[in-house]
C-alpha atoms as a PDB file:
ATOM      1  CA  MET A   1       0.000   0.000   0.000  1.00  0.00           C
ATOM      2  CA  ARG A   2       2.916   2.318   0.625  1.00  0.00           C
ATOM      3  CA  LEU A   3       3.814   1.996  -3.044  1.00  0.00           C
ATOM      4  CA  TYR A   4       0.238   2.784  -3.984  1.00  0.00           C
ATOM      5  CA  VAL A   5      -0.061   6.029  -2.013  1.00  0.00           C
ATOM      6  CA  GLY A   6       3.609   6.950  -2.320  1.00  0.00           C
ATOM      7  CA  ASN A   7       5.970   6.244  -5.210  1.00  0.00           C
ATOM      8  CA  PRO A   8       5.798   9.352  -7.435  1.00  0.00           C
ATOM      9  CA  MET A   9       5.470   8.608 -11.157  1.00  0.00           C
ATOM     10  CA  SER A  10       6.693  10.902 -13.908  1.00  0.00           C
ATOM     11  CA  MET A  11       3.476  10.528 -15.926  1.00  0.00           C
ATOM     12  CA  GLU A  12       1.405  12.121 -13.139  1.00  0.00           C
ATOM     13  CA  SER A  13       0.748  15.782 -12.494  1.00  0.00           C
ATOM     14  CA  GLU A  14       3.265  17.741 -10.440  1.00  0.00           C
ATOM     15  CA  GLN A  15       0.715  17.996  -7.630  1.00  0.00           C
ATOM     16  CA  ALA A  16       0.243  14.210  -7.489  1.00  0.00           C
ATOM     17  CA  GLN A  17       4.004  13.638  -7.587  1.00  0.00           C
ATOM     18  CA  ALA A  18       4.534  16.162  -4.778  1.00  0.00           C
ATOM     19  CA  ALA A  19       1.834  14.523  -2.624  1.00  0.00           C
ATOM     20  CA  ARG A  20       3.314  11.067  -3.169  1.00  0.00           C
ATOM     21  CA  ARG A  21       6.787  12.402  -2.390  1.00  0.00           C
ATOM     22  CA  ILE A  22       5.491  13.883   0.888  1.00  0.00           C
ATOM     23  CA  TYR A  23       4.123  10.498   1.884  1.00  0.00           C
ATOM     24  CA  ASP A  24       7.337   8.707   0.884  1.00  0.00           C
ATOM     25  CA  GLU A  25       9.495  11.105   2.878  1.00  0.00           C
ATOM     26  CA  THR A  26       7.336  11.611   5.978  1.00  0.00           C
ATOM     27  CA  ARG A  27       4.961   8.612   6.124  1.00  0.00           C
ATOM     28  CA  ASP A  28       2.459  11.202   7.370  1.00  0.00           C
ATOM     29  CA  PRO A  29      -0.936  10.439   5.812  1.00  0.00           C
ATOM     30  CA  ALA A  30      -2.498  13.745   6.931  1.00  0.00           C
ATOM     31  CA  ALA A  31       0.291  15.829   5.366  1.00  0.00           C
ATOM     32  CA  ALA A  32       0.107  13.866   2.107  1.00  0.00           C
ATOM     33  CA  LEU A  33      -3.698  14.013   2.068  1.00  0.00           C
ATOM     34  CA  ALA A  34      -3.615  17.814   2.241  1.00  0.00           C
ATOM     35  CA  GLN A  35      -1.645  17.834  -1.037  1.00  0.00           C
ATOM     36  CA  TYR A  36      -3.359  14.999  -2.908  1.00  0.00           C
ATOM     37  CA  PRO A  37      -5.420  15.990  -5.969  1.00  0.00           C
ATOM     38  CA  GLU A  38      -9.162  15.477  -5.565  1.00  0.00           C
ATOM     39  CA  LYS A  39      -9.338  13.099  -8.542  1.00  0.00           C
ATOM     40  CA  LEU A  40      -7.208  10.444  -6.804  1.00  0.00           C
ATOM     41  CA  ASP A  41     -10.081   9.144  -4.711  1.00  0.00           C
ATOM     42  CA  PRO A  42      -8.781   5.665  -3.795  1.00  0.00           C
ATOM     43  CA  GLU A  43      -5.458   7.049  -2.564  1.00  0.00           C
ATOM     44  CA  ARG A  44      -7.219   9.812  -0.652  1.00  0.00           C
ATOM     45  CA  ASP A  45      -9.573   7.289   0.972  1.00  0.00           C
ATOM     46  CA  ILE A  46      -6.612   5.187   2.118  1.00  0.00           C
ATOM     47  CA  LEU A  47      -4.781   8.217   3.503  1.00  0.00           C
ATOM     48  CA  ARG A  48      -7.932   9.472   5.244  1.00  0.00           C
ATOM     49  CA  ARG A  49      -8.334   6.150   7.037  1.00  0.00           C
ATOM     50  CA  LEU A  50      -4.645   5.972   7.927  1.00  0.00           C
ATOM     51  CA  ALA A  51      -4.810   9.489   9.351  1.00  0.00           C
ATOM     52  CA  LYS A  52      -7.697   8.431  11.608  1.00  0.00           C
ATOM     53  CA  ARG A  53      -6.191   5.052  12.577  1.00  0.00           C
ATOM     54  CA  PRO A  54      -2.387   5.160  12.030  1.00  0.00           C
ATOM     55  CA  GLY A  55      -0.837   1.839  11.102  1.00  0.00           C
ATOM     56  CA  ASP A  56      -4.184   0.099  10.584  1.00  0.00           C
ATOM     57  CA  TRP A  57      -3.584  -1.062   7.012  1.00  0.00           C
ATOM     58  CA  ARG A  58      -6.484  -3.490   7.103  1.00  0.00           C
ATOM     59  CA  HIS A  59      -8.889  -0.660   7.855  1.00  0.00           C
ATOM     60  CA  ALA A  60      -7.260   1.418   5.099  1.00  0.00           C
ATOM     61  CA  LEU A  61      -7.637  -1.384   2.544  1.00  0.00           C
ATOM     62  CA  GLN A  62     -11.341  -1.627   3.285  1.00  0.00           C
ATOM     63  CA  ALA A  63     -11.717   1.849   1.782  1.00  0.00           C
ATOM     64  CA  LEU A  64     -10.938   0.512  -1.679  1.00  0.00           C
ATOM     65  CA  PRO A  65     -13.631  -0.643  -4.093  1.00  0.00           C
ATOM     66  CA  MET A  66     -13.910  -4.408  -4.523  1.00  0.00           C
ATOM     67  CA  ASN A  67     -12.633  -4.396  -8.118  1.00  0.00           C
ATOM     68  CA  LEU A  68      -9.434  -2.626  -7.053  1.00  0.00           C
ATOM     69  CA  LEU A  69      -8.960  -5.016  -4.133  1.00  0.00           C
ATOM     70  CA  GLN A  70      -9.332  -7.936  -6.537  1.00  0.00           C
ATOM     71  CA  LEU A  71      -6.738  -6.376  -8.820  1.00  0.00           C
ATOM     72  CA  PHE A  72      -4.286  -6.237  -5.907  1.00  0.00           C
ATOM     73  CA  VAL A  73      -5.026  -9.849  -4.944  1.00  0.00           C
ATOM     74  CA  HIS A  74      -4.558 -11.056  -8.530  1.00  0.00           C
ATOM     75  CA  ALA A  75      -1.318  -9.100  -8.863  1.00  0.00           C
ATOM     76  CA  HIS A  76      -0.013 -10.712  -5.669  1.00  0.00           C
ATOM     77  CA  GLN A  77      -1.051 -14.160  -6.891  1.00  0.00           C
ATOM     78  CA  SER A  78       0.805 -13.555 -10.155  1.00  0.00           C
ATOM     79  CA  TRP A  79       3.891 -12.458  -8.259  1.00  0.00           C
ATOM     80  CA  LEU A  80       3.772 -15.630  -6.129  1.00  0.00           C
ATOM     81  CA  PHE A  81       3.284 -17.807  -9.212  1.00  0.00           C
ATOM     82  CA  ASN A  82       6.271 -16.181 -10.929  1.00  0.00           C
ATOM     83  CA  LEU A  83       8.366 -16.638  -7.797  1.00  0.00           C
ATOM     84  CA  VAL A  84       7.535 -20.347  -7.602  1.00  0.00           C
ATOM     85  CA  LEU A  85       8.037 -20.859 -11.330  1.00  0.00           C
ATOM     86  CA  SER A  86      11.382 -19.089 -11.187  1.00  0.00           C
ATOM     87  CA  ALA A  87      12.527 -21.268  -8.296  1.00  0.00           C
ATOM     88  CA  ALA A  88      11.332 -24.434 -10.038  1.00  0.00           C
ATOM     89  CA  SER A  89      13.185 -23.577 -13.222  1.00  0.00           C
ATOM     90  CA  ARG A  90      16.540 -23.259 -11.446  1.00  0.00           C
ATOM     91  CA  PRO A  91      18.404 -26.533 -11.053  1.00  0.00           C
ATOM     92  CA  ALA A  92      19.200 -27.543  -7.498  1.00  0.00           C
ATOM     93  CA  SER A  93      22.800 -26.845  -6.607  1.00  0.00           C
ATOM     94  CA  GLY A  94      24.988 -29.794  -7.502  1.00  0.00           C
ATOM     95  CA  CYS A  95      22.054 -32.006  -8.383  1.00  0.00           C
ATOM     96  CA  ARG A  96      20.749 -32.999 -11.736  1.00  0.00           C
ATOM     97  CA  ARG A  97      17.031 -32.609 -11.789  1.00  0.00           C
ATOM     98  CA  ARG A  98      14.903 -35.552 -12.798  1.00  0.00           C
ATOM     99  CA  ARG A  99      12.403 -34.758 -15.496  1.00  0.00           C
ATOM    100  CA  SER A 100       8.958 -36.210 -15.293  1.00  0.00           C
ATOM    101  CA  ALA A 101       6.352 -36.598 -17.976  1.00  0.00           C
ATOM    102  CA  THR A 102       4.170 -33.982 -16.308  1.00  0.00           C
ATOM    103  CA  SER A 103       6.952 -31.425 -16.015  1.00  0.00           C
ATOM    104  CA  PRO A 104       6.901 -28.546 -18.490  1.00  0.00           C
ATOM    105  CA  TRP A 105      10.642 -29.177 -18.933  1.00  0.00           C
ATOM    106  CA  ALA A 106      10.235 -32.848 -19.764  1.00  0.00           C
ATOM    107  CA  SER A 107      11.743 -34.112 -22.972  1.00  0.00           C
ATOM    108  CA  THR A 108       9.384 -34.783 -25.850  1.00  0.00           C
ATOM    109  CA  ARG A 109       7.685 -38.125 -25.519  1.00  0.00           C
ATOM    110  CA  THR A 110       6.971 -40.306 -28.474  1.00  0.00           C
ATOM    111  CA  ALA A 111       3.735 -42.143 -28.928  1.00  0.00           C
ATOM    112  CA  PRO A 112       3.808 -45.841 -28.000  1.00  0.00           C
ATOM    113  CA  ARG A 113       4.274 -48.238 -30.866  1.00  0.00           C
ATOM    114  CA  SER A 114       1.189 -49.997 -32.025  1.00  0.00           C
ATOM    115  CA  THR A 115       1.284 -53.754 -32.299  1.00  0.00           C
ATOM    116  CA  PRO A 116      -0.070 -55.476 -35.387  1.00  0.00           C
END
């Protein structure tokens, strides 16, 4: 969430970048909220809740609309999948990995011979 309300991006307005920079540097939701543009509603809702209940990230997340929450969950799931896939694709140190028929790295199997 800190990346969502902080982390200035060059494609944003100067006001939005300044507000995000304030949050990054101070971690003060009230100070950042005072600078946030009105059009950034989800970020403002998070900061408003954090200003009322500092450190309560669960309460802050509940301010987001369900579709945005689902986007965050799916992004985290993708990150976990990529992490697991990356680890599985690296050979174990000093060991030769056994390939199975169900492994995506398995060698090509040929069809069984038919008997006459």
